[in-house]
Amino acid sequence: MFDNTAEVLDLRPEPKSKNMELFKAIHRSQHVQRNYDLSKKMPEQDIATIV
């Protein structure tokens, strides 16, 4: 049985790649507390970095 979406869709990046570093950062960040102000706009440069 699969325990996450990446395994189901076979999206896990190659080990030791930059994509794996990003994959791990995203996975870790999903567990943080989200107390942010939804009325504020995100800077375009930050959006470009994420995307």
C-alpha atoms as a PDB file:
ATOM      1  CA  MET A   1       0.000   0.000   0.000  1.00  0.00           C
ATOM      2  CA  PHE A   2       1.212   3.503  -0.799  1.00  0.00           C
ATOM      3  CA  ASP A   3       1.618   6.049   1.982  1.00  0.00           C
ATOM      4  CA  ASN A   4       1.820   9.204  -0.140  1.00  0.00           C
ATOM      5  CA  THR A   5       0.781  10.680  -3.466  1.00  0.00           C
ATOM      6  CA  ALA A   6       4.351  10.808  -4.826  1.00  0.00           C
ATOM      7  CA  GLU A   7       4.576   7.028  -4.659  1.00  0.00           C
ATOM      8  CA  VAL A   8       1.176   6.546  -6.279  1.00  0.00           C
ATOM      9  CA  LEU A   9       1.974   8.864  -9.181  1.00  0.00           C
ATOM     10  CA  ASP A  10       5.668   7.890  -9.322  1.00  0.00           C
ATOM     11  CA  LEU A  11       6.747  11.539  -8.945  1.00  0.00           C
ATOM     12  CA  ARG A  12       9.662  11.078  -6.554  1.00  0.00           C
ATOM     13  CA  PRO A  13      12.773  12.829  -7.967  1.00  0.00           C
ATOM     14  CA  GLU A  14      16.124  11.117  -8.334  1.00  0.00           C
ATOM     15  CA  PRO A  15      18.109  10.902  -5.072  1.00  0.00           C
ATOM     16  CA  LYS A  16      20.717  13.643  -4.515  1.00  0.00           C
ATOM     17  CA  SER A  17      19.161  15.916  -7.157  1.00  0.00           C
ATOM     18  CA  LYS A  18      18.118  19.553  -6.715  1.00  0.00           C
ATOM     19  CA  ASN A  19      14.554  18.423  -7.339  1.00  0.00           C
ATOM     20  CA  MET A  20      14.842  15.997  -4.417  1.00  0.00           C
ATOM     21  CA  GLU A  21      15.942  18.873  -2.159  1.00  0.00           C
ATOM     22  CA  LEU A  22      12.872  20.847  -3.221  1.00  0.00           C
ATOM     23  CA  PHE A  23      10.647  17.773  -2.833  1.00  0.00           C
ATOM     24  CA  LYS A  24      11.859  17.292   0.749  1.00  0.00           C
ATOM     25  CA  ALA A  25      11.441  20.990   1.595  1.00  0.00           C
ATOM     26  CA  ILE A  26       7.865  20.953   0.333  1.00  0.00           C
ATOM     27  CA  HIS A  27       7.106  17.769   2.238  1.00  0.00           C
ATOM     28  CA  ARG A  28       8.521  19.221   5.484  1.00  0.00           C
ATOM     29  CA  SER A  29       6.746  22.554   5.062  1.00  0.00           C
ATOM     30  CA  GLN A  30       3.332  20.905   4.832  1.00  0.00           C
ATOM     31  CA  HIS A  31       3.489  20.206   8.566  1.00  0.00           C
ATOM     32  CA  VAL A  32       4.079  23.790   9.730  1.00  0.00           C
ATOM     33  CA  GLN A  33       1.536  25.965  11.455  1.00  0.00           C
ATOM     34  CA  ARG A  34      -0.189  28.258   8.982  1.00  0.00           C
ATOM     35  CA  ASN A  35      -0.933  31.591  10.644  1.00  0.00           C
ATOM     36  CA  TYR A  36      -0.609  33.973   7.740  1.00  0.00           C
ATOM     37  CA  ASP A  37      -2.550  37.043   6.676  1.00  0.00           C
ATOM     38  CA  LEU A  38      -4.605  36.131   3.610  1.00  0.00           C
ATOM     39  CA  SER A  39      -5.345  39.800   2.919  1.00  0.00           C
ATOM     40  CA  LYS A  40      -1.685  40.493   2.010  1.00  0.00           C
ATOM     41  CA  LYS A  41      -0.422  39.939  -1.524  1.00  0.00           C
ATOM     42  CA  MET A  42       2.615  37.786  -2.135  1.00  0.00           C
ATOM     43  CA  PRO A  43       5.502  39.507  -3.976  1.00  0.00           C
ATOM     44  CA  GLU A  44       5.870  38.421  -7.618  1.00  0.00           C
ATOM     45  CA  GLN A  45       9.530  37.506  -7.033  1.00  0.00           C
ATOM     46  CA  ASP A  46       8.507  35.054  -4.283  1.00  0.00           C
ATOM     47  CA  ILE A  47       5.876  33.504  -6.542  1.00  0.00           C
ATOM     48  CA  ALA A  48       8.465  33.115  -9.314  1.00  0.00           C
ATOM     49  CA  THR A  49      10.824  31.380  -6.877  1.00  0.00           C
ATOM     50  CA  ILE A  50       8.155  28.903  -5.807  1.00  0.00           C
ATOM     51  CA  VAL A  51       6.907  28.178  -9.315  1.00  0.00           C
END
